[in-house]
N, C-alpha and C. Protein backbone atom coordinates (compact mmCIF):
# COMPACT_ATOMS: atom_id res chain seq x y z
N MET A 1 3.25 -3.74 -19.10
CA MET A 1 2.29 -2.65 -18.99
C MET A 1 0.96 -3.10 -19.57
N ASP A 2 -0.03 -3.20 -18.70
CA ASP A 2 -1.33 -3.67 -19.15
C ASP A 2 -2.35 -2.55 -19.29
N GLY A 3 -1.93 -1.30 -19.08
CA GLY A 3 -2.84 -0.18 -19.22
C GLY A 3 -3.51 0.24 -17.92
N THR A 4 -3.20 -0.43 -16.81
CA THR A 4 -3.76 -0.06 -15.52
C THR A 4 -3.07 1.20 -14.99
N LEU A 5 -3.86 2.16 -14.52
CA LEU A 5 -3.30 3.34 -13.88
C LEU A 5 -2.90 2.92 -12.46
N VAL A 6 -1.63 3.12 -12.10
CA VAL A 6 -1.13 2.66 -10.82
C VAL A 6 -0.70 3.84 -9.96
N PHE A 7 -1.25 3.89 -8.74
CA PHE A 7 -0.80 4.82 -7.72
C PHE A 7 0.08 4.00 -6.78
N CYS A 8 1.15 4.61 -6.29
CA CYS A 8 2.06 3.85 -5.43
C CYS A 8 2.40 4.65 -4.18
N GLU A 9 2.06 4.10 -3.03
CA GLU A 9 2.45 4.68 -1.74
C GLU A 9 3.82 4.09 -1.40
N VAL A 10 4.76 4.95 -0.99
CA VAL A 10 6.10 4.49 -0.65
C VAL A 10 6.34 4.72 0.84
N LYS A 11 6.73 3.68 1.53
CA LYS A 11 7.08 3.76 2.95
C LYS A 11 8.55 3.43 3.08
N THR A 12 9.30 4.31 3.76
CA THR A 12 10.74 4.14 3.89
C THR A 12 11.12 4.00 5.35
N PHE A 13 12.06 3.11 5.61
CA PHE A 13 12.59 2.91 6.95
C PHE A 13 14.10 2.95 6.85
N PHE A 14 14.72 3.74 7.71
CA PHE A 14 16.18 3.83 7.75
C PHE A 14 16.67 3.20 9.04
N GLY A 15 17.55 2.26 8.93
CA GLY A 15 18.11 1.64 10.13
C GLY A 15 18.43 0.19 9.90
N LYS A 16 18.71 -0.47 10.99
CA LYS A 16 19.08 -1.87 10.92
C LYS A 16 17.90 -2.71 10.45
N SER A 17 18.12 -3.51 9.44
CA SER A 17 17.08 -4.40 8.94
C SER A 17 17.04 -5.64 9.81
N ASP A 18 16.05 -5.72 10.67
CA ASP A 18 15.96 -6.80 11.64
C ASP A 18 14.55 -7.37 11.63
N PRO A 19 14.38 -8.59 11.13
CA PRO A 19 13.03 -9.17 11.06
C PRO A 19 12.39 -9.38 12.42
N GLU A 20 13.17 -9.32 13.49
CA GLU A 20 12.63 -9.51 14.83
C GLU A 20 12.11 -8.20 15.44
N ARG A 21 12.27 -7.08 14.70
CA ARG A 21 11.76 -5.80 15.22
C ARG A 21 10.27 -5.89 15.48
N GLU A 22 9.82 -5.13 16.45
CA GLU A 22 8.40 -5.13 16.74
C GLU A 22 7.60 -4.42 15.65
N LEU A 23 8.14 -3.33 15.12
CA LEU A 23 7.45 -2.58 14.07
C LEU A 23 8.20 -2.74 12.75
N ILE A 24 7.45 -2.82 11.69
CA ILE A 24 8.02 -2.87 10.35
C ILE A 24 7.41 -1.71 9.56
N PRO A 25 8.03 -1.27 8.46
CA PRO A 25 7.50 -0.13 7.70
C PRO A 25 6.04 -0.31 7.29
N GLU A 26 5.63 -1.54 7.03
CA GLU A 26 4.25 -1.80 6.63
C GLU A 26 3.25 -1.37 7.71
N ASP A 27 3.70 -1.35 8.97
CA ASP A 27 2.83 -0.94 10.07
C ASP A 27 2.41 0.52 9.96
N ASN A 28 3.16 1.32 9.20
CA ASN A 28 2.82 2.73 9.04
C ASN A 28 1.66 2.95 8.07
N LEU A 29 1.22 1.93 7.40
CA LEU A 29 0.06 2.05 6.51
C LEU A 29 -1.17 1.66 7.32
N THR A 30 -1.68 2.61 8.06
CA THR A 30 -2.82 2.38 8.93
C THR A 30 -4.13 2.50 8.15
N LYS A 31 -5.21 2.11 8.79
CA LYS A 31 -6.53 2.23 8.16
C LYS A 31 -6.82 3.69 7.82
N ALA A 32 -6.51 4.61 8.72
CA ALA A 32 -6.75 6.03 8.47
C ALA A 32 -5.90 6.54 7.30
N LYS A 33 -4.64 6.15 7.26
CA LYS A 33 -3.76 6.55 6.16
C LYS A 33 -4.25 5.97 4.85
N PHE A 34 -4.66 4.71 4.87
CA PHE A 34 -5.16 4.08 3.65
C PHE A 34 -6.41 4.80 3.14
N LYS A 35 -7.30 5.20 4.04
CA LYS A 35 -8.51 5.92 3.62
C LYS A 35 -8.15 7.23 2.92
N LYS A 36 -7.14 7.95 3.44
CA LYS A 36 -6.70 9.20 2.82
C LYS A 36 -6.12 8.94 1.43
N ILE A 37 -5.31 7.91 1.31
CA ILE A 37 -4.72 7.56 0.01
C ILE A 37 -5.83 7.21 -0.98
N ASP A 38 -6.76 6.37 -0.54
CA ASP A 38 -7.86 5.93 -1.40
C ASP A 38 -8.69 7.13 -1.86
N MET A 39 -8.99 8.06 -0.95
CA MET A 39 -9.78 9.23 -1.29
C MET A 39 -9.03 10.12 -2.29
N ALA A 40 -7.74 10.31 -2.08
CA ALA A 40 -6.94 11.13 -3.00
C ALA A 40 -6.91 10.51 -4.40
N CYS A 41 -6.76 9.19 -4.46
CA CYS A 41 -6.75 8.50 -5.75
C CYS A 41 -8.10 8.62 -6.44
N GLU A 42 -9.18 8.45 -5.69
CA GLU A 42 -10.52 8.57 -6.27
C GLU A 42 -10.76 9.98 -6.80
N MET A 43 -10.29 11.00 -6.07
CA MET A 43 -10.44 12.38 -6.55
C MET A 43 -9.65 12.60 -7.83
N PHE A 44 -8.43 12.08 -7.88
CA PHE A 44 -7.60 12.22 -9.07
C PHE A 44 -8.27 11.55 -10.27
N VAL A 45 -8.73 10.33 -10.07
CA VAL A 45 -9.38 9.57 -11.15
C VAL A 45 -10.64 10.30 -11.62
N GLY A 46 -11.39 10.87 -10.67
CA GLY A 46 -12.59 11.61 -11.02
C GLY A 46 -12.31 12.81 -11.92
N LYS A 47 -11.17 13.44 -11.71
CA LYS A 47 -10.81 14.62 -12.49
C LYS A 47 -10.06 14.28 -13.78
N HIS A 48 -9.53 13.06 -13.86
CA HIS A 48 -8.69 12.68 -15.01
C HIS A 48 -9.15 11.34 -15.59
N ARG A 49 -10.41 11.22 -15.87
CA ARG A 49 -10.97 9.97 -16.40
C ARG A 49 -10.25 9.51 -17.67
N ASN A 50 -9.71 10.45 -18.42
CA ASN A 50 -9.02 10.12 -19.67
C ASN A 50 -7.76 9.28 -19.43
N LEU A 51 -7.23 9.26 -18.21
CA LEU A 51 -6.03 8.48 -17.91
C LEU A 51 -6.33 7.04 -17.50
N VAL A 52 -7.62 6.75 -17.32
CA VAL A 52 -8.01 5.43 -16.84
C VAL A 52 -8.50 4.56 -17.99
N ASN A 53 -7.85 3.44 -18.19
CA ASN A 53 -8.27 2.47 -19.19
C ASN A 53 -9.55 1.81 -18.69
N GLU A 54 -10.63 1.90 -19.46
CA GLU A 54 -11.92 1.38 -19.01
C GLU A 54 -11.89 -0.11 -18.68
N LYS A 55 -11.09 -0.88 -19.39
CA LYS A 55 -11.03 -2.33 -19.14
C LYS A 55 -10.16 -2.66 -17.93
N MET A 56 -9.07 -1.91 -17.73
CA MET A 56 -8.11 -2.26 -16.69
C MET A 56 -8.30 -1.45 -15.40
N GLY A 57 -8.85 -0.25 -15.49
CA GLY A 57 -9.11 0.56 -14.30
C GLY A 57 -7.84 1.09 -13.65
N TRP A 58 -7.88 1.14 -12.32
CA TRP A 58 -6.74 1.65 -11.56
C TRP A 58 -6.58 0.86 -10.27
N ARG A 59 -5.38 1.00 -9.66
CA ARG A 59 -5.13 0.28 -8.41
C ARG A 59 -4.12 1.07 -7.58
N ILE A 60 -4.01 0.68 -6.32
CA ILE A 60 -3.03 1.29 -5.42
C ILE A 60 -2.03 0.21 -5.02
N ASP A 61 -0.75 0.49 -5.25
CA ASP A 61 0.33 -0.40 -4.85
C ASP A 61 1.09 0.25 -3.70
N CYS A 62 1.98 -0.50 -3.09
CA CYS A 62 2.80 0.03 -2.01
C CYS A 62 4.23 -0.50 -2.14
N ALA A 63 5.19 0.41 -2.07
CA ALA A 63 6.61 0.02 -2.08
C ALA A 63 7.19 0.30 -0.70
N ILE A 64 7.86 -0.69 -0.15
CA ILE A 64 8.53 -0.56 1.14
C ILE A 64 10.03 -0.55 0.88
N VAL A 65 10.71 0.47 1.40
CA VAL A 65 12.16 0.58 1.22
C VAL A 65 12.79 0.61 2.60
N VAL A 66 13.64 -0.37 2.88
CA VAL A 66 14.38 -0.43 4.14
C VAL A 66 15.84 -0.18 3.80
N ILE A 67 16.34 0.98 4.25
CA ILE A 67 17.72 1.37 3.94
C ILE A 67 18.63 0.96 5.09
N ASP A 68 19.72 0.27 4.77
CA ASP A 68 20.69 -0.17 5.77
C ASP A 68 21.25 1.03 6.53
N GLU A 69 21.46 0.86 7.82
CA GLU A 69 21.92 1.97 8.66
C GLU A 69 23.26 2.54 8.23
N ASN A 70 24.07 1.79 7.49
CA ASN A 70 25.36 2.27 7.00
C ASN A 70 25.32 2.70 5.55
N TRP A 71 24.12 2.78 4.99
CA TRP A 71 23.91 3.14 3.58
C TRP A 71 24.62 2.18 2.63
N ASN A 72 24.75 0.92 3.04
CA ASN A 72 25.39 -0.09 2.20
C ASN A 72 24.42 -0.77 1.25
N GLY A 73 23.17 -0.51 1.39
CA GLY A 73 22.19 -1.14 0.51
C GLY A 73 20.80 -0.99 1.08
N CYS A 74 19.87 -1.61 0.40
CA CYS A 74 18.49 -1.53 0.87
C CYS A 74 17.72 -2.78 0.46
N ILE A 75 16.59 -2.95 1.11
CA ILE A 75 15.67 -4.03 0.78
C ILE A 75 14.40 -3.35 0.29
N ILE A 76 13.87 -3.83 -0.82
CA ILE A 76 12.63 -3.27 -1.36
C ILE A 76 11.59 -4.38 -1.43
N ARG A 77 10.43 -4.09 -0.87
CA ARG A 77 9.29 -5.01 -0.97
C ARG A 77 8.18 -4.25 -1.70
N TYR A 78 7.52 -4.93 -2.64
CA TYR A 78 6.49 -4.27 -3.44
C TYR A 78 5.20 -5.08 -3.36
N TYR A 79 4.12 -4.40 -3.00
CA TYR A 79 2.82 -5.04 -2.88
C TYR A 79 1.88 -4.45 -3.93
N LYS A 80 1.33 -5.33 -4.76
CA LYS A 80 0.38 -4.89 -5.78
C LYS A 80 -1.03 -4.89 -5.21
N ASN A 81 -1.81 -3.90 -5.61
CA ASN A 81 -3.24 -3.82 -5.30
C ASN A 81 -3.52 -3.92 -3.81
N ILE A 82 -2.96 -2.97 -3.05
CA ILE A 82 -3.17 -3.02 -1.61
C ILE A 82 -4.61 -2.74 -1.22
N TRP A 83 -5.39 -2.12 -2.11
CA TRP A 83 -6.81 -1.92 -1.82
C TRP A 83 -7.47 -3.28 -1.59
N PHE A 84 -7.20 -4.21 -2.48
CA PHE A 84 -7.77 -5.55 -2.37
C PHE A 84 -7.27 -6.24 -1.11
N ILE A 85 -5.98 -6.16 -0.85
CA ILE A 85 -5.39 -6.79 0.34
C ILE A 85 -5.98 -6.17 1.60
N PHE A 86 -6.01 -4.84 1.65
CA PHE A 86 -6.47 -4.13 2.84
C PHE A 86 -7.92 -4.46 3.15
N HIS A 87 -8.77 -4.45 2.13
CA HIS A 87 -10.19 -4.73 2.36
C HIS A 87 -10.44 -6.19 2.76
N ASN A 88 -9.66 -7.10 2.24
CA ASN A 88 -9.80 -8.50 2.65
C ASN A 88 -9.38 -8.69 4.11
N ILE A 89 -8.33 -8.00 4.55
CA ILE A 89 -7.90 -8.09 5.94
C ILE A 89 -8.99 -7.54 6.85
N ILE A 90 -9.53 -6.38 6.51
CA ILE A 90 -10.60 -5.78 7.32
C ILE A 90 -11.80 -6.70 7.37
N TYR A 91 -12.17 -7.30 6.23
CA TYR A 91 -13.31 -8.21 6.19
C TYR A 91 -13.07 -9.42 7.10
N CYS A 92 -11.88 -10.00 7.01
CA CYS A 92 -11.56 -11.17 7.85
C CYS A 92 -11.56 -10.81 9.32
N LEU A 93 -11.00 -9.65 9.67
CA LEU A 93 -10.98 -9.23 11.06
C LEU A 93 -12.41 -9.00 11.58
N SER A 94 -13.24 -8.36 10.76
CA SER A 94 -14.60 -8.10 11.20
C SER A 94 -15.38 -9.40 11.38
N ARG A 95 -15.11 -10.39 10.54
CA ARG A 95 -15.79 -11.68 10.68
C ARG A 95 -15.36 -12.39 11.96
N SER A 96 -14.08 -12.30 12.29
CA SER A 96 -13.61 -12.97 13.52
C SER A 96 -14.16 -12.26 14.76
N ILE A 97 -14.32 -10.94 14.69
CA ILE A 97 -14.90 -10.20 15.82
C ILE A 97 -16.36 -10.57 15.98
N ASP A 98 -17.09 -10.71 14.85
CA ASP A 98 -18.51 -11.07 14.90
C ASP A 98 -18.73 -12.43 15.55
N LYS A 99 -17.78 -13.34 15.40
CA LYS A 99 -17.92 -14.69 15.95
C LYS A 99 -17.77 -14.72 17.46
N ASN A 100 -17.09 -13.72 18.02
CA ASN A 100 -16.85 -13.70 19.48
C ASN A 100 -17.97 -13.06 20.23
């Protein structure tokens, strides 16, 4: 625990865990959904500044839970600081579009 306030979006998928599937739970975190999450977090932080460590700040993480179709287990993937990841992807995509 480093004092960072962490918000965590959880995406759950129930069914056969198949890496060859066309869609994965991460695909449900769209740009529009991310903007809503980011705005909600910013509003919360704005109203509760006392919960934010000035040195460490806050971040948005994402937990992906894939539950086996027979309820025999699950796979959990955890991504830290998806704001940073998401904005870097958008930046890279926009740069590749600008080149064309």
